[in-house]
C-alpha atoms as a PDB file:
ATOM      1  CA  MET A   1      16.048  13.053 -19.006  1.00  0.00           C
ATOM      2  CA  THR A   2      15.278  12.105 -15.411  1.00  0.00           C
ATOM      3  CA  GLY A   3      16.945  14.772 -13.320  1.00  0.00           C
ATOM      4  CA  SER A   4      15.275  17.423 -11.237  1.00  0.00           C
ATOM      5  CA  GLN A   5      15.635  19.949 -14.068  1.00  0.00           C
ATOM      6  CA  SER A   6      14.125  17.666 -16.731  1.00  0.00           C
ATOM      7  CA  ARG A   7      10.782  18.545 -18.253  1.00  0.00           C
ATOM      8  CA  GLN A   8       9.850  14.882 -17.889  1.00  0.00           C
ATOM      9  CA  GLY A   9      10.305  14.795 -14.116  1.00  0.00           C
ATOM     10  CA  MET A  10      11.718  12.096 -11.822  1.00  0.00           C
ATOM     11  CA  TRP A  11       9.915   9.138 -13.398  1.00  0.00           C
ATOM     12  CA  MET A  12      12.723   6.671 -12.726  1.00  0.00           C
ATOM     13  CA  LEU A  13      12.034   6.700  -8.977  1.00  0.00           C
ATOM     14  CA  PRO A  14       8.487   5.300  -9.257  1.00  0.00           C
ATOM     15  CA  LEU A  15       9.795   2.729 -11.738  1.00  0.00           C
ATOM     16  CA  VAL A  16      12.237   1.479  -9.117  1.00  0.00           C
ATOM     17  CA  LEU A  17       9.414   1.516  -6.561  1.00  0.00           C
ATOM     18  CA  ALA A  18       7.196  -0.565  -8.863  1.00  0.00           C
ATOM     19  CA  VAL A  19       9.963  -3.151  -9.311  1.00  0.00           C
ATOM     20  CA  ILE A  20      10.464  -3.345  -5.536  1.00  0.00           C
ATOM     21  CA  ILE A  21       6.726  -3.825  -4.947  1.00  0.00           C
ATOM     22  CA  CYS A  22       6.590  -6.575  -7.583  1.00  0.00           C
ATOM     23  CA  GLY A  23       9.536  -8.368  -5.995  1.00  0.00           C
ATOM     24  CA  PHE A  24       8.051  -8.075  -2.509  1.00  0.00           C
ATOM     25  CA  LEU A  25       4.627  -9.369  -3.569  1.00  0.00           C
ATOM     26  CA  ALA A  26       6.151 -12.219  -5.567  1.00  0.00           C
ATOM     27  CA  VAL A  27       7.986 -13.374  -2.429  1.00  0.00           C
ATOM     28  CA  ARG A  28       5.267 -12.522   0.086  1.00  0.00           C
ATOM     29  CA  THR A  29       2.276 -14.079  -1.708  1.00  0.00           C
ATOM     30  CA  GLU A  30       1.905 -17.125  -3.904  1.00  0.00           C
ATOM     31  CA  GLN A  31      -1.038 -15.677  -5.858  1.00  0.00           C
ATOM     32  CA  PHE A  32       0.694 -12.545  -7.185  1.00  0.00           C
ATOM     33  CA  ALA A  33       2.813 -14.230  -9.863  1.00  0.00           C
ATOM     34  CA  ASN A  34      -0.119 -16.359 -10.996  1.00  0.00           C
ATOM     35  CA  PRO A  35      -0.884 -15.570 -14.688  1.00  0.00           C
ATOM     36  CA  GLU A  36      -4.572 -15.226 -13.880  1.00  0.00           C
ATOM     37  CA  ASN A  37      -3.826 -12.610 -11.216  1.00  0.00           C
ATOM     38  CA  LEU A  38      -1.467 -10.711 -13.533  1.00  0.00           C
ATOM     39  CA  LEU A  39      -4.100 -10.559 -16.288  1.00  0.00           C
ATOM     40  CA  ASN A  40      -6.654  -9.432 -13.734  1.00  0.00           C
ATOM     41  CA  LEU A  41      -4.191  -6.805 -12.520  1.00  0.00           C
ATOM     42  CA  VAL A  42      -3.922  -5.354 -16.039  1.00  0.00           C
ATOM     43  CA  ALA A  43      -7.710  -5.158 -16.326  1.00  0.00           C
ATOM     44  CA  GLN A  44      -8.011  -3.588 -12.867  1.00  0.00           C
ATOM     45  CA  ALA A  45      -5.311  -1.009 -13.589  1.00  0.00           C
ATOM     46  CA  MET A  46      -6.529   0.045 -17.035  1.00  0.00           C
ATOM     47  CA  PRO A  47      -9.303   2.478 -15.961  1.00  0.00           C
ATOM     48  CA  LEU A  48      -6.890   4.252 -13.612  1.00  0.00           C
ATOM     49  CA  VAL A  49      -4.165   4.364 -16.271  1.00  0.00           C
ATOM     50  CA  ILE A  50      -6.589   5.940 -18.756  1.00  0.00           C
ATOM     51  CA  THR A  51      -7.975   8.431 -16.231  1.00  0.00           C
ATOM     52  CA  ALA A  52      -4.518   9.399 -14.939  1.00  0.00           C
ATOM     53  CA  ILE A  53      -3.254  10.050 -18.466  1.00  0.00           C
ATOM     54  CA  GLY A  54      -6.187  12.367 -19.076  1.00  0.00           C
ATOM     55  CA  GLN A  55      -5.619  14.074 -15.735  1.00  0.00           C
ATOM     56  CA  MET A  56      -2.010  14.737 -16.711  1.00  0.00           C
ATOM     57  CA  PHE A  57      -3.091  17.004 -19.582  1.00  0.00           C
ATOM     58  CA  VAL A  58      -4.686  19.338 -17.042  1.00  0.00           C
ATOM     59  CA  VAL A  59      -1.987  19.037 -14.377  1.00  0.00           C
ATOM     60  CA  VAL A  60       0.732  19.985 -16.865  1.00  0.00           C
ATOM     61  CA  VAL A  61      -0.962  23.383 -17.358  1.00  0.00           C
ATOM     62  CA  GLY A  62      -1.210  23.898 -13.599  1.00  0.00           C
ATOM     63  CA  GLY A  63      -4.805  22.755 -13.147  1.00  0.00           C
ATOM     64  CA  LEU A  64      -6.762  19.864 -11.672  1.00  0.00           C
ATOM     65  CA  ASP A  65      -9.889  18.062 -12.826  1.00  0.00           C
ATOM     66  CA  LEU A  66     -11.997  16.723  -9.953  1.00  0.00           C
ATOM     67  CA  SER A  67     -14.947  15.900 -12.206  1.00  0.00           C
ATOM     68  CA  VAL A  68     -13.425  12.792 -13.823  1.00  0.00           C
ATOM     69  CA  GLY A  69     -14.765  10.345 -11.212  1.00  0.00           C
ATOM     70  CA  SER A  70     -18.351  11.501 -11.644  1.00  0.00           C
ATOM     71  CA  LEU A  71     -17.878  11.521 -15.407  1.00  0.00           C
ATOM     72  CA  ILE A  72     -16.813   7.860 -15.300  1.00  0.00           C
ATOM     73  CA  SER A  73     -19.995   6.968 -13.427  1.00  0.00           C
ATOM     74  CA  PHE A  74     -22.030   9.127 -15.813  1.00  0.00           C
ATOM     75  CA  THR A  75     -20.549   7.276 -18.787  1.00  0.00           C
ATOM     76  CA  THR A  76     -21.566   3.883 -17.400  1.00  0.00           C
ATOM     77  CA  ALA A  77     -25.068   5.199 -16.729  1.00  0.00           C
ATOM     78  CA  ILE A  78     -25.420   6.452 -20.322  1.00  0.00           C
ATOM     79  CA  LEU A  79     -24.144   3.181 -21.782  1.00  0.00           C
ATOM     80  CA  ALA A  80     -26.658   1.232 -19.673  1.00  0.00           C
ATOM     81  CA  LEU A  81     -29.702   3.018 -21.147  1.00  0.00           C
ATOM     82  CA  ASP A  82     -30.541  -0.049 -23.291  1.00  0.00           C
ATOM     83  CA  GLY A  83     -29.851   1.792 -26.531  1.00  0.00           C
ATOM     84  CA  PRO A  84     -27.781   0.788 -29.572  1.00  0.00           C
ATOM     85  CA  GLY A  85     -24.027   1.021 -29.172  1.00  0.00           C
ATOM     86  CA  TYR A  86     -23.555   3.095 -32.328  1.00  0.00           C
ATOM     87  CA  VAL A  87     -25.637   5.824 -30.661  1.00  0.00           C
ATOM     88  CA  LEU A  88     -24.592   5.588 -27.016  1.00  0.00           C
ATOM     89  CA  ILE A  89     -20.827   5.310 -27.513  1.00  0.00           C
ATOM     90  CA  PRO A  90     -20.463   8.495 -29.614  1.00  0.00           C
ATOM     91  CA  ALA A  91     -22.906  10.224 -27.265  1.00  0.00           C
ATOM     92  CA  VAL A  92     -20.744   9.683 -24.189  1.00  0.00           C
ATOM     93  CA  PHE A  93     -17.709  11.218 -25.878  1.00  0.00           C
ATOM     94  CA  ILE A  94     -19.686  14.195 -27.187  1.00  0.00           C
ATOM     95  CA  LEU A  95     -21.076  14.813 -23.709  1.00  0.00           C
ATOM     96  CA  ALA A  96     -17.627  14.371 -22.175  1.00  0.00           C
ATOM     97  CA  ALA A  97     -16.166  16.917 -24.590  1.00  0.00           C
ATOM     98  CA  LEU A  98     -18.909  19.359 -23.621  1.00  0.00           C
ATOM     99  CA  VAL A  99     -18.130  18.833 -19.935  1.00  0.00           C
ATOM    100  CA  GLY A 100     -14.421  19.398 -20.537  1.00  0.00           C
ATOM    101  CA  ALA A 101     -15.082  22.498 -22.641  1.00  0.00           C
ATOM    102  CA  THR A 102     -17.323  23.870 -19.887  1.00  0.00           C
ATOM    103  CA  ASN A 103     -14.652  23.249 -17.260  1.00  0.00           C
ATOM    104  CA  GLY A 104     -12.057  24.957 -19.431  1.00  0.00           C
ATOM    105  CA  PHE A 105     -14.330  27.913 -20.175  1.00  0.00           C
ATOM    106  CA  VAL A 106     -15.106  28.465 -16.486  1.00  0.00           C
ATOM    107  CA  VAL A 107     -11.408  28.292 -15.590  1.00  0.00           C
ATOM    108  CA  THR A 108     -10.052  30.450 -18.418  1.00  0.00           C
ATOM    109  CA  ARG A 109     -12.869  32.926 -19.077  1.00  0.00           C
ATOM    110  CA  LEU A 110     -14.562  33.257 -15.688  1.00  0.00           C
ATOM    111  CA  ASN A 111     -11.246  32.942 -13.778  1.00  0.00           C
ATOM    112  CA  VAL A 112     -12.635  30.366 -11.354  1.00  0.00           C
ATOM    113  CA  HIS A 113     -10.006  28.256  -9.597  1.00  0.00           C
ATOM    114  CA  PRO A 114      -9.735  24.804 -11.235  1.00  0.00           C
ATOM    115  CA  ILE A 115     -10.507  22.995  -7.987  1.00  0.00           C
ATOM    116  CA  ILE A 116     -13.726  24.973  -7.446  1.00  0.00           C
ATOM    117  CA  ALA A 117     -14.800  24.805 -11.096  1.00  0.00           C
ATOM    118  CA  THR A 118     -14.310  21.058 -11.465  1.00  0.00           C
ATOM    119  CA  LEU A 119     -15.636  20.284  -7.970  1.00  0.00           C
ATOM    120  CA  ALA A 120     -18.872  22.053  -8.892  1.00  0.00           C
ATOM    121  CA  MET A 121     -18.997  20.087 -12.145  1.00  0.00           C
ATOM    122  CA  GLN A 122     -18.402  16.907 -10.181  1.00  0.00           C
ATOM    123  CA  TYR A 123     -21.577  17.466  -8.168  1.00  0.00           C
ATOM    124  CA  ILE A 124     -23.591  18.491 -11.219  1.00  0.00           C
ATOM    125  CA  ILE A 125     -22.639  15.336 -13.110  1.00  0.00           C
ATOM    126  CA  LEU A 126     -23.134  13.164 -10.036  1.00  0.00           C
ATOM    127  CA  GLY A 127     -26.677  14.503  -9.597  1.00  0.00           C
ATOM    128  CA  ILE A 128     -27.556  13.839 -13.239  1.00  0.00           C
ATOM    129  CA  THR A 129     -26.033  10.363 -13.036  1.00  0.00           C
ATOM    130  CA  ARG A 130     -28.147   9.413 -10.021  1.00  0.00           C
ATOM    131  CA  ILE A 131     -31.263  10.652 -11.784  1.00  0.00           C
ATOM    132  CA  LEU A 132     -30.453   8.433 -14.771  1.00  0.00           C
ATOM    133  CA  ARG A 133     -29.311   5.446 -12.722  1.00  0.00           C
ATOM    134  CA  PRO A 134     -30.190   5.625  -8.982  1.00  0.00           C
ATOM    135  CA  VAL A 135     -28.837   2.103  -8.457  1.00  0.00           C
ATOM    136  CA  SER A 136     -26.577  -0.104 -10.523  1.00  0.00           C
ATOM    137  CA  GLY A 137     -28.185  -1.995 -13.393  1.00  0.00           C
ATOM    138  CA  GLY A 138     -29.155  -1.720 -17.028  1.00  0.00           C
ATOM    139  CA  THR A 139     -27.794  -3.352 -20.158  1.00  0.00           C
ATOM    140  CA  VAL A 140     -24.482  -2.367 -21.733  1.00  0.00           C
ATOM    141  CA  PRO A 141     -24.083  -2.776 -25.534  1.00  0.00           C
ATOM    142  CA  ASP A 142     -22.536  -6.118 -26.488  1.00  0.00           C
ATOM    143  CA  VAL A 143     -19.755  -4.432 -28.442  1.00  0.00           C
ATOM    144  CA  VAL A 144     -18.546  -2.730 -25.248  1.00  0.00           C
ATOM    145  CA  ILE A 145     -18.535  -6.005 -23.326  1.00  0.00           C
ATOM    146  CA  TRP A 146     -16.669  -7.756 -26.137  1.00  0.00           C
ATOM    147  CA  ALA A 147     -14.090  -4.963 -26.395  1.00  0.00           C
ATOM    148  CA  VAL A 148     -13.203  -5.399 -22.726  1.00  0.00           C
ATOM    149  CA  SER A 149     -13.633  -9.066 -21.841  1.00  0.00           C
ATOM    150  CA  GLU A 150     -12.653 -11.009 -24.967  1.00  0.00           C
ATOM    151  CA  THR A 151      -9.320 -11.792 -26.609  1.00  0.00           C
ATOM    152  CA  PHE A 152      -7.999 -11.025 -30.090  1.00  0.00           C
ATOM    153  CA  LEU A 153      -5.220 -13.101 -31.665  1.00  0.00           C
ATOM    154  CA  GLY A 154      -4.752 -14.701 -28.269  1.00  0.00           C
ATOM    155  CA  VAL A 155      -4.129 -11.365 -26.523  1.00  0.00           C
ATOM    156  CA  PRO A 156      -6.624 -10.041 -23.922  1.00  0.00           C
ATOM    157  CA  MET A 157      -8.421  -6.908 -25.059  1.00  0.00           C
ATOM    158  CA  PRO A 158      -7.245  -4.757 -22.079  1.00  0.00           C
ATOM    159  CA  VAL A 159      -3.719  -4.994 -23.506  1.00  0.00           C
ATOM    160  CA  TYR A 160      -4.928  -3.429 -26.765  1.00  0.00           C
ATOM    161  CA  TRP A 161      -6.657  -0.691 -24.775  1.00  0.00           C
ATOM    162  CA  GLY A 162      -3.401   0.125 -23.038  1.00  0.00           C
ATOM    163  CA  VAL A 163      -1.377   0.226 -26.246  1.00  0.00           C
ATOM    164  CA  PHE A 164      -3.959   2.396 -27.995  1.00  0.00           C
ATOM    165  CA  VAL A 165      -4.303   4.885 -25.150  1.00  0.00           C
ATOM    166  CA  ILE A 166      -0.549   5.224 -24.633  1.00  0.00           C
ATOM    167  CA  LEU A 167       0.121   5.751 -28.352  1.00  0.00           C
ATOM    168  CA  VAL A 168      -2.574   8.423 -28.656  1.00  0.00           C
ATOM    169  CA  ALA A 169      -1.439  10.199 -25.483  1.00  0.00           C
ATOM    170  CA  TRP A 170       2.224  10.022 -26.512  1.00  0.00           C
ATOM    171  CA  LYS A 171       1.414  11.658 -29.838  1.00  0.00           C
ATOM    172  CA  LEU A 172      -0.585  14.417 -28.154  1.00  0.00           C
ATOM    173  CA  LEU A 173       1.819  15.107 -25.286  1.00  0.00           C
ATOM    174  CA  HIS A 174       5.264  14.487 -26.741  1.00  0.00           C
ATOM    175  CA  GLY A 175       4.778  14.435 -30.496  1.00  0.00           C
ATOM    176  CA  SER A 176       2.673  17.467 -31.334  1.00  0.00           C
ATOM    177  CA  ARG A 177       2.654  21.245 -31.110  1.00  0.00           C
ATOM    178  CA  PHE A 178      -0.318  20.963 -28.774  1.00  0.00           C
ATOM    179  CA  GLY A 179       1.802  19.071 -26.235  1.00  0.00           C
ATOM    180  CA  LEU A 180       4.628  21.570 -26.564  1.00  0.00           C
ATOM    181  CA  HIS A 181       2.171  24.371 -25.846  1.00  0.00           C
ATOM    182  CA  LEU A 182       0.857  22.538 -22.783  1.00  0.00           C
ATOM    183  CA  PHE A 183       4.332  22.359 -21.260  1.00  0.00           C
ATOM    184  CA  ALA A 184       5.080  25.969 -22.224  1.00  0.00           C
ATOM    185  CA  ILE A 185       1.920  27.230 -20.515  1.00  0.00           C
ATOM    186  CA  GLY A 186       2.522  25.112 -17.427  1.00  0.00           C
ATOM    187  CA  GLY A 187       6.148  26.168 -17.203  1.00  0.00           C
ATOM    188  CA  GLY A 188       5.167  29.815 -17.229  1.00  0.00           C
ATOM    189  CA  ILE A 189       2.505  29.294 -14.578  1.00  0.00           C
ATOM    190  CA  ALA A 190       4.908  27.333 -12.357  1.00  0.00           C
ATOM    191  CA  SER A 191       7.413  30.188 -12.660  1.00  0.00           C
ATOM    192  CA  GLY A 192       4.790  32.774 -11.731  1.00  0.00           C
ATOM    193  CA  VAL A 193       4.641  34.282 -15.238  1.00  0.00           C
ATOM    194  CA  HIS A 194       1.140  33.326 -16.364  1.00  0.00           C
ATOM    195  CA  ASP A 195       1.326  35.059 -19.732  1.00  0.00           C
ATOM    196  CA  ALA A 196       4.785  33.776 -20.701  1.00  0.00           C
ATOM    197  CA  ALA A 197       3.479  31.355 -23.351  1.00  0.00           C
ATOM    198  CA  ARG A 198       1.038  33.964 -24.678  1.00  0.00           C
ATOM    199  CA  ASN A 199       3.898  36.392 -25.204  1.00  0.00           C
ATOM    200  CA  PHE A 200       5.414  33.853 -27.610  1.00  0.00           C
ATOM    201  CA  GLY A 201       2.216  33.540 -29.623  1.00  0.00           C
ATOM    202  CA  VAL A 202       0.645  30.526 -27.905  1.00  0.00           C
ATOM    203  CA  ALA A 203      -3.160  30.587 -27.704  1.00  0.00           C
ATOM    204  CA  ASP A 204      -3.027  29.747 -24.023  1.00  0.00           C
ATOM    205  CA  LYS A 205      -6.729  29.904 -23.148  1.00  0.00           C
ATOM    206  CA  ARG A 206      -7.744  27.739 -26.089  1.00  0.00           C
ATOM    207  CA  THR A 207      -5.004  25.247 -25.234  1.00  0.00           C
ATOM    208  CA  VAL A 208      -6.121  25.031 -21.601  1.00  0.00           C
ATOM    209  CA  VAL A 209      -9.712  24.419 -22.703  1.00  0.00           C
ATOM    210  CA  LEU A 210      -8.506  21.604 -24.966  1.00  0.00           C
ATOM    211  CA  ALA A 211      -6.546  20.141 -22.042  1.00  0.00           C
ATOM    212  CA  TYR A 212      -9.774  19.879 -20.036  1.00  0.00           C
ATOM    213  CA  VAL A 213     -11.542  18.372 -23.047  1.00  0.00           C
ATOM    214  CA  CYS A 214      -8.801  15.727 -23.269  1.00  0.00           C
ATOM    215  CA  SER A 215      -9.131  14.979 -19.566  1.00  0.00           C
ATOM    216  CA  SER A 216     -12.889  14.484 -19.865  1.00  0.00           C
ATOM    217  CA  CYS A 217     -12.632  12.333 -23.000  1.00  0.00           C
ATOM    218  CA  PHE A 218     -10.053  10.053 -21.398  1.00  0.00           C
ATOM    219  CA  ALA A 219     -12.313   9.763 -18.331  1.00  0.00           C
ATOM    220  CA  ALA A 220     -15.201   8.806 -20.621  1.00  0.00           C
ATOM    221  CA  LEU A 221     -12.979   6.163 -22.217  1.00  0.00           C
ATOM    222  CA  ALA A 222     -12.221   4.784 -18.757  1.00  0.00           C
ATOM    223  CA  GLY A 223     -15.976   4.753 -18.108  1.00  0.00           C
ATOM    224  CA  VAL A 224     -16.558   2.753 -21.287  1.00  0.00           C
ATOM    225  CA  PHE A 225     -13.949   0.227 -20.143  1.00  0.00           C
ATOM    226  CA  LEU A 226     -15.529  -0.061 -16.691  1.00  0.00           C
ATOM    227  CA  ALA A 227     -19.021  -0.414 -18.162  1.00  0.00           C
ATOM    228  CA  GLY A 228     -17.796  -3.352 -20.224  1.00  0.00           C
ATOM    229  CA  ARG A 229     -16.080  -4.842 -17.205  1.00  0.00           C
ATOM    230  CA  ILE A 230     -19.018  -4.619 -14.770  1.00  0.00           C
ATOM    231  CA  VAL A 231     -21.610  -5.141 -17.575  1.00  0.00           C
ATOM    232  CA  SER A 232     -23.943  -2.483 -16.152  1.00  0.00           C
ATOM    233  CA  GLY A 233     -24.264   1.158 -15.213  1.00  0.00           C
ATOM    234  CA  ASP A 234     -23.235   2.186 -11.710  1.00  0.00           C
ATOM    235  CA  PRO A 235     -23.572   5.689 -10.192  1.00  0.00           C
ATOM    236  CA  ASN A 236     -20.791   4.959  -7.699  1.00  0.00           C
ATOM    237  CA  VAL A 237     -18.205   3.134  -9.819  1.00  0.00           C
ATOM    238  CA  GLY A 238     -16.149   6.292 -10.395  1.00  0.00           C
ATOM    239  CA  LEU A 239     -15.999   7.184  -6.703  1.00  0.00           C
ATOM    240  CA  LEU A 240     -12.530   8.528  -5.702  1.00  0.00           C
ATOM    241  CA  PHE A 241     -11.095   7.964  -9.183  1.00  0.00           C
ATOM    242  CA  GLU A 242     -10.173  11.644  -9.322  1.00  0.00           C
ATOM    243  CA  LEU A 243      -7.969  11.363  -6.225  1.00  0.00           C
ATOM    244  CA  ASP A 244      -6.397   8.122  -7.414  1.00  0.00           C
ATOM    245  CA  ALA A 245      -5.644   9.746 -10.783  1.00  0.00           C
ATOM    246  CA  ILE A 246      -4.061  12.790  -9.156  1.00  0.00           C
ATOM    247  CA  THR A 247      -2.014  10.522  -6.887  1.00  0.00           C
ATOM    248  CA  ALA A 248      -0.819   8.469  -9.871  1.00  0.00           C
ATOM    249  CA  VAL A 249       0.174  11.614 -11.748  1.00  0.00           C
ATOM    250  CA  ALA A 250       2.077  12.964  -8.742  1.00  0.00           C
ATOM    251  CA  ILE A 251       3.819   9.639  -8.053  1.00  0.00           C
ATOM    252  CA  GLY A 252       4.924   9.587 -11.690  1.00  0.00           C
ATOM    253  CA  GLY A 253       6.909  12.784 -11.229  1.00  0.00           C
ATOM    254  CA  THR A 254       4.504  15.313 -12.735  1.00  0.00           C
ATOM    255  CA  GLN A 255       4.670  18.594 -10.836  1.00  0.00           C
ATOM    256  CA  LEU A 256       1.215  19.705  -9.689  1.00  0.00           C
ATOM    257  CA  SER A 257       2.367  23.304 -10.159  1.00  0.00           C
ATOM    258  CA  GLY A 258       2.629  22.612 -13.904  1.00  0.00           C
ATOM    259  CA  GLY A 259       5.219  22.431 -16.659  1.00  0.00           C
ATOM    260  CA  ILE A 260       6.964  19.165 -15.723  1.00  0.00           C
ATOM    261  CA  GLY A 261       5.786  15.625 -16.360  1.00  0.00           C
ATOM    262  CA  SER A 262       5.928  12.604 -18.639  1.00  0.00           C
ATOM    263  CA  LEU A 263       3.555  10.022 -20.000  1.00  0.00           C
ATOM    264  CA  GLN A 264       5.740   7.114 -18.901  1.00  0.00           C
ATOM    265  CA  GLY A 265       5.846   8.534 -15.387  1.00  0.00           C
ATOM    266  CA  THR A 266       2.067   8.768 -15.219  1.00  0.00           C
ATOM    267  CA  VAL A 267       1.635   5.192 -16.466  1.00  0.00           C
ATOM    268  CA  ILE A 268       4.201   3.975 -13.924  1.00  0.00           C
ATOM    269  CA  GLY A 269       2.476   5.954 -11.161  1.00  0.00           C
ATOM    270  CA  ALA A 270      -0.861   4.319 -12.006  1.00  0.00           C
ATOM    271  CA  ALA A 271       0.883   0.929 -12.052  1.00  0.00           C
ATOM    272  CA  VAL A 272       2.317   1.582  -8.580  1.00  0.00           C
ATOM    273  CA  LEU A 273      -1.167   2.296  -7.210  1.00  0.00           C
ATOM    274  CA  ALA A 274      -2.593  -0.770  -8.946  1.00  0.00           C
ATOM    275  CA  LEU A 275       0.190  -2.944  -7.522  1.00  0.00           C
ATOM    276  CA  LEU A 276      -0.408  -1.562  -4.035  1.00  0.00           C
ATOM    277  CA  SER A 277      -4.148  -2.223  -4.284  1.00  0.00           C
ATOM    278  CA  ASN A 278      -3.608  -5.722  -5.634  1.00  0.00           C
ATOM    279  CA  GLY A 279      -1.022  -6.509  -2.968  1.00  0.00           C
ATOM    280  CA  MET A 280      -3.212  -5.196  -0.155  1.00  0.00           C
ATOM    281  CA  ASN A 281      -6.147  -7.233  -1.459  1.00  0.00           C
ATOM    282  CA  LEU A 282      -4.010 -10.378  -1.588  1.00  0.00           C
ATOM    283  CA  THR A 283      -2.827  -9.772   1.980  1.00  0.00           C
ATOM    284  CA  ASN A 284      -6.377  -9.017   3.206  1.00  0.00           C
ATOM    285  CA  VAL A 285      -5.811  -5.384   4.160  1.00  0.00           C
ATOM    286  CA  SER A 286      -9.072  -3.624   5.035  1.00  0.00           C
ATOM    287  CA  PRO A 287     -10.493  -1.420   2.224  1.00  0.00           C
ATOM    288  CA  PHE A 288     -10.749   1.440   4.726  1.00  0.00           C
ATOM    289  CA  ILE A 289      -7.060   1.148   5.555  1.00  0.00           C
ATOM    290  CA  GLN A 290      -6.291   1.021   1.827  1.00  0.00           C
ATOM    291  CA  THR A 291      -8.106   4.343   1.351  1.00  0.00           C
ATOM    292  CA  ALA A 292      -6.188   5.888   4.245  1.00  0.00           C
ATOM    293  CA  ILE A 293      -2.888   4.661   2.787  1.00  0.00           C
ATOM    294  CA  LYS A 294      -3.700   6.177  -0.625  1.00  0.00           C
ATOM    295  CA  GLY A 295      -4.558   9.504   1.015  1.00  0.00           C
ATOM    296  CA  SER A 296      -1.326   9.469   2.978  1.00  0.00           C
ATOM    297  CA  LEU A 297       0.606   8.644  -0.171  1.00  0.00           C
ATOM    298  CA  LEU A 298      -0.931  11.613  -2.006  1.00  0.00           C
ATOM    299  CA  LEU A 299      -0.059  13.901   0.894  1.00  0.00           C
ATOM    300  CA  LEU A 300       3.505  12.579   0.914  1.00  0.00           C
ATOM    301  CA  VAL A 301       4.237  12.937  -2.806  1.00  0.00           C
ATOM    302  CA  VAL A 302       2.688  16.422  -2.966  1.00  0.00           C
ATOM    303  CA  GLY A 303       4.565  17.488   0.141  1.00  0.00           C
ATOM    304  CA  LEU A 304       7.859  16.385  -1.416  1.00  0.00           C
ATOM    305  CA  GLN A 305       7.296  18.448  -4.562  1.00  0.00           C
ATOM    306  CA  SER A 306       9.048  21.800  -4.637  1.00  0.00           C
ATOM    307  CA  ARG A 307       6.728  24.798  -4.928  1.00  0.00           C
ATOM    308  CA  LYS A 308       7.505  28.484  -5.118  1.00  0.00           C
ATOM    309  CA  LYS A 309       4.106  29.518  -3.784  1.00  0.00           C
ATOM    310  CA  MET A 310       1.230  28.181  -1.724  1.00  0.00           C
ATOM    311  CA  GLY A 311      -1.456  26.251  -3.541  1.00  0.00           C
ATOM    312  CA  LEU A 312      -0.942  23.290  -5.849  1.00  0.00           C
END
């Protein structure tokens, strides 16, 4: 289940790392174990958890989605258009699905490399977002604010978000034929046999397109959460989320070459990043140094992954 040959990857290692970080911060700082800080940590981590889970759908099939950060900002800008929630909330998911379908179409039908395709989409969405919302502001629907900041039955709403997202993702990735097809396609690509899944009757191109749709929809969900948290639209709120999501996925044991990964690993990887950010904030580490550390961590975990060819 956790060995190097497991389809779920080495997710136990980041779990041990997370426990070590928690123990270190509990001893090193008085604020870490404070209930208020722990609740704030859950709320801070939730957008990254949601985005990383969506990113995993694409990584498992050997791709990457660099457009998720811009899509998060775009979602907050749409929700801050002072319209009714019953219109704006469905709209952001419809638009996100269209973005994901476009990414998947460009990758599968036009044979554009995923990095180039989604990087181009990142700039397109970013431009539209800054037209809609040049600076932060606007009014977010009350239902979005309530769904993020309030409590239900004494439990903070971010906890419900986490349970919901994990259950949905678990069903898609590990409890459905769709998830099985994702791993089959990614395994073939990682082995250098791109049509292996197709030879067994899997509609590989359609499945890859759906993977990008899932990634975009999860990013939109993270944008909804952030919009409720900051109570406004912000064209820069999704900045670098794509790299953080990729780092979380890689830390969690998902192979960037495809075919190997697990939901629990991705969640743990996002938790590790959230713990590092929270710990560095509590110990007054410069934000610029924090960014450099995250970049170094991504380079390290990717460098340690075994690859049979150059590229991802």
